[in-house]
N, C-alpha and C. Protein backbone atom coordinates (compact mmCIF):
# COMPACT_ATOMS: atom_id res chain seq x y z
N UNK A 1 87.34 133.07 45.79
CA UNK A 1 85.69 132.92 45.06
C UNK A 1 86.03 133.87 43.75
N UNK A 2 85.43 132.79 42.74
CA UNK A 2 85.86 133.52 41.59
C UNK A 2 84.15 133.31 41.23
N UNK A 3 84.04 134.74 39.94
CA UNK A 3 82.50 134.34 39.65
C UNK A 3 82.50 133.98 37.40
N UNK A 4 81.70 133.24 37.13
CA UNK A 4 82.15 133.08 35.90
C UNK A 4 80.61 132.87 35.83
N UNK A 5 79.98 133.44 34.21
CA UNK A 5 78.82 133.32 33.36
C UNK A 5 79.39 132.88 32.12
N UNK A 6 77.66 132.89 31.44
CA UNK A 6 77.32 132.69 30.38
C UNK A 6 76.20 134.36 29.85
N UNK A 7 76.17 134.76 28.65
CA UNK A 7 75.47 135.89 27.97
C UNK A 7 74.62 135.12 27.54
N UNK A 8 73.20 135.61 27.49
CA UNK A 8 71.75 134.89 27.48
C UNK A 8 71.82 135.56 25.91
N UNK A 9 72.64 136.36 25.41
CA UNK A 9 72.85 136.28 23.69
C UNK A 9 73.70 135.54 23.21
N UNK A 10 74.48 135.04 23.64
CA UNK A 10 75.06 133.82 23.01
C UNK A 10 75.16 132.42 23.74
N UNK A 11 74.20 131.82 23.44
CA UNK A 11 73.82 130.57 23.96
C UNK A 11 74.67 129.23 23.63
N UNK A 12 75.35 129.55 22.16
CA UNK A 12 76.59 128.93 21.60
C UNK A 12 78.25 128.79 22.04
N UNK A 13 78.22 129.54 23.54
CA UNK A 13 79.28 129.97 24.27
C UNK A 13 79.42 128.31 24.88
N UNK A 14 80.97 127.85 24.84
CA UNK A 14 80.81 126.22 25.33
C UNK A 14 81.33 126.70 26.87
N UNK A 15 81.84 127.47 27.17
CA UNK A 15 82.62 127.41 28.27
C UNK A 15 82.42 128.77 28.92
N UNK A 16 82.22 129.06 30.11
CA UNK A 16 81.74 130.37 30.58
C UNK A 16 83.00 131.01 30.76
N UNK A 17 82.62 132.29 31.25
CA UNK A 17 83.71 133.14 31.15
C UNK A 17 83.54 133.71 32.53
N UNK A 18 85.38 134.34 33.11
CA UNK A 18 85.19 134.92 34.25
C UNK A 18 84.58 135.96 34.55
N UNK A 19 83.70 136.42 35.32
CA UNK A 19 83.50 137.58 35.63
C UNK A 19 83.85 138.60 36.89
N UNK A 20 83.77 139.40 36.27
CA UNK A 20 84.28 141.12 37.65
C UNK A 20 83.92 141.47 39.18
N UNK A 21 82.22 141.10 37.96
CA UNK A 21 80.93 142.04 38.97
C UNK A 21 79.85 140.86 38.43
N UNK A 22 78.91 140.92 39.45
CA UNK A 22 77.77 140.37 39.24
C UNK A 22 76.47 141.51 39.91
N UNK A 23 75.78 141.44 39.37
CA UNK A 23 74.11 141.94 40.24
C UNK A 23 73.45 141.03 40.11
N UNK A 24 72.41 140.99 41.03
CA UNK A 24 71.26 140.63 41.44
C UNK A 24 70.00 141.01 41.34
N UNK A 25 69.67 141.32 40.55
CA UNK A 25 68.46 142.06 40.19
C UNK A 25 67.07 141.58 40.58
N UNK A 26 66.80 141.50 42.55
CA UNK A 26 65.89 140.62 42.59
C UNK A 26 64.76 141.36 44.13
N UNK A 27 64.50 140.94 44.12
CA UNK A 27 62.84 141.21 45.45
C UNK A 27 63.57 140.97 46.71
N UNK A 28 63.57 141.28 47.79
CA UNK A 28 64.25 141.36 49.03
C UNK A 28 63.52 139.92 49.36
N UNK A 29 62.74 139.16 48.94
CA UNK A 29 61.92 137.81 49.62
C UNK A 29 63.17 136.82 48.34
N UNK A 30 63.34 137.44 46.95
CA UNK A 30 64.20 136.34 46.34
C UNK A 30 65.32 135.91 46.76
N UNK A 31 66.23 137.35 47.66
CA UNK A 31 67.36 137.57 48.01
C UNK A 31 67.20 136.47 49.49
N UNK A 32 66.54 136.68 49.83
CA UNK A 32 66.25 135.97 51.45
C UNK A 32 66.53 134.29 51.22
N UNK A 33 65.51 133.93 49.47
CA UNK A 33 65.96 132.51 49.39
C UNK A 33 66.92 131.84 48.90
N UNK A 34 67.72 132.94 47.92
CA UNK A 34 69.03 133.13 47.52
C UNK A 34 69.66 132.62 48.78
N UNK A 35 69.75 133.28 49.76
CA UNK A 35 71.32 133.18 50.24
C UNK A 35 70.83 131.99 51.39
N UNK A 36 69.13 131.73 51.50
CA UNK A 36 69.28 130.16 51.89
C UNK A 36 69.61 129.14 51.40
N UNK A 37 69.54 129.42 50.27
CA UNK A 37 70.26 127.93 49.14
C UNK A 37 71.43 128.10 49.16
N UNK A 38 71.97 129.41 49.17
CA UNK A 38 74.21 129.60 49.51
C UNK A 38 74.21 128.86 50.67
N UNK A 39 73.22 129.26 52.06
CA UNK A 39 73.68 128.49 53.09
C UNK A 39 73.75 127.08 52.72
N UNK A 40 72.69 126.23 52.32
CA UNK A 40 72.52 125.29 52.27
C UNK A 40 73.45 124.62 51.47
N UNK A 41 73.82 124.92 50.38
CA UNK A 41 74.89 124.66 50.05
C UNK A 41 76.28 124.60 50.09
N UNK A 42 76.56 125.22 51.18
CA UNK A 42 78.10 125.32 52.19
C UNK A 42 77.61 124.51 53.17
N UNK A 43 76.59 123.96 53.59
CA UNK A 43 76.04 122.95 54.57
C UNK A 43 76.53 121.48 53.57
N UNK A 44 75.68 121.58 52.50
CA UNK A 44 75.97 120.08 51.80
C UNK A 44 77.70 120.11 51.09
N UNK A 45 78.12 121.40 50.78
CA UNK A 45 79.83 121.23 50.71
C UNK A 45 80.45 120.43 51.78
N UNK A 46 80.08 121.05 52.81
CA UNK A 46 81.15 120.60 53.77
C UNK A 46 80.79 119.20 54.43
N UNK A 47 79.33 118.40 54.32
CA UNK A 47 79.24 117.61 54.28
C UNK A 47 79.61 116.23 53.78
N UNK A 48 79.39 116.70 52.39
CA UNK A 48 80.02 115.60 51.17
C UNK A 48 81.42 115.77 50.74
N UNK A 49 82.32 116.84 51.62
CA UNK A 49 84.13 116.75 51.38
C UNK A 49 84.47 116.62 49.74
N UNK A 50 85.15 116.14 49.53
CA UNK A 50 85.56 116.20 47.90
C UNK A 50 84.49 115.30 46.98
N UNK A 51 83.29 114.62 47.63
CA UNK A 51 83.01 114.52 46.49
C UNK A 51 82.01 115.55 46.38
N UNK A 52 81.75 116.28 46.84
CA UNK A 52 80.58 117.64 46.56
C UNK A 52 81.41 118.46 45.09
N UNK A 53 80.39 118.34 43.86
CA UNK A 53 80.05 118.95 42.65
C UNK A 53 79.96 120.39 42.64
N UNK A 54 78.69 120.06 42.17
CA UNK A 54 78.24 121.85 42.05
C UNK A 54 76.37 121.40 42.80
N UNK A 55 75.69 122.54 42.54
CA UNK A 55 74.35 122.29 42.98
C UNK A 55 73.66 123.58 41.82
N UNK A 56 72.84 123.60 41.79
CA UNK A 56 71.69 124.30 40.75
C UNK A 56 70.54 124.67 42.26
N UNK A 57 70.69 126.21 41.91
CA UNK A 57 69.81 126.93 42.51
C UNK A 57 68.20 126.32 42.17
N UNK A 58 67.90 126.61 41.23
CA UNK A 58 66.46 125.64 40.40
C UNK A 58 66.02 124.16 41.10
N UNK A 59 67.08 123.58 41.06
CA UNK A 59 67.09 122.06 41.40
C UNK A 59 66.54 122.47 42.82
N UNK A 60 66.56 123.20 43.45
CA UNK A 60 66.40 123.47 44.84
C UNK A 60 65.24 124.28 45.59
N UNK A 61 65.15 124.96 44.69
CA UNK A 61 64.05 125.47 44.72
C UNK A 61 63.28 125.79 43.28
N UNK A 62 62.34 125.86 43.15
CA UNK A 62 61.87 125.11 42.07
C UNK A 62 61.38 126.28 41.44
N UNK A 63 60.97 127.28 42.28
CA UNK A 63 60.74 129.37 41.85
C UNK A 63 61.12 129.51 40.77
N UNK A 64 62.35 128.75 41.03
CA UNK A 64 63.41 129.60 39.96
C UNK A 64 63.98 129.24 39.04
N UNK A 65 62.75 128.11 38.39
CA UNK A 65 63.23 127.36 37.21
C UNK A 65 63.14 128.04 35.74
N UNK A 66 62.64 128.89 36.05
CA UNK A 66 62.61 130.04 34.59
C UNK A 66 63.82 131.49 35.01
N UNK A 67 64.52 130.97 35.93
CA UNK A 67 64.96 132.78 36.22
C UNK A 67 66.55 132.30 35.22
N UNK A 68 67.66 133.13 35.47
CA UNK A 68 69.10 132.52 35.26
C UNK A 68 69.49 131.64 36.15
N UNK A 69 70.40 130.36 35.52
CA UNK A 69 71.02 129.56 36.66
C UNK A 69 71.87 130.25 37.14
N UNK A 70 71.71 129.94 38.76
CA UNK A 70 72.50 129.62 39.51
C UNK A 70 73.36 128.85 40.23
N UNK A 71 74.59 128.21 39.88
CA UNK A 71 75.49 126.93 40.02
C UNK A 71 76.17 127.82 41.52
N UNK A 72 76.42 126.66 42.27
CA UNK A 72 77.57 126.57 43.33
C UNK A 72 78.11 125.63 42.87
N UNK A 73 79.60 125.81 42.65
CA UNK A 73 80.53 125.08 42.67
C UNK A 73 81.65 124.53 42.75
N UNK A 74 82.54 123.53 43.73
CA UNK A 74 83.61 123.92 44.32
C UNK A 74 84.56 125.10 43.67
N UNK A 75 85.30 125.22 44.56
CA UNK A 75 86.51 126.28 44.22
C UNK A 75 87.22 126.85 44.85
N UNK A 76 88.40 127.87 44.73
CA UNK A 76 89.47 127.85 45.64
C UNK A 76 89.40 129.13 45.78
N UNK A 77 89.27 129.69 47.46
CA UNK A 77 89.38 130.69 48.00
C UNK A 77 90.16 132.06 47.63
N UNK A 78 89.89 133.12 47.36
CA UNK A 78 90.46 133.97 46.45
C UNK A 78 90.93 134.93 48.67
N UNK A 79 90.22 134.80 49.40
CA UNK A 79 91.10 135.11 50.57
C UNK A 79 91.80 133.93 51.07
N UNK A 80 91.60 132.22 50.82
CA UNK A 80 92.52 131.59 51.45
C UNK A 80 93.99 131.47 50.69
N UNK A 81 94.20 132.19 49.47
CA UNK A 81 95.50 131.67 48.75
C UNK A 81 95.06 131.13 47.50
């Protein structure tokens, strides 16, 4: 797994930067909703196989439309080599 992100202060950034750490400042309910989204994304990734590209949290859970974007994309596992 790798983490990537954009700075909110530099909207002209064209490519995401690799991040060493991510902090989620969220309520317990928001964390449960995000966990459910991640499980849904994993299931969809399994079902679609190589045709899976990415999923946006806000496309699945509309209450996050005004939150920073959370995107799940296909990547290689750091644990798997």
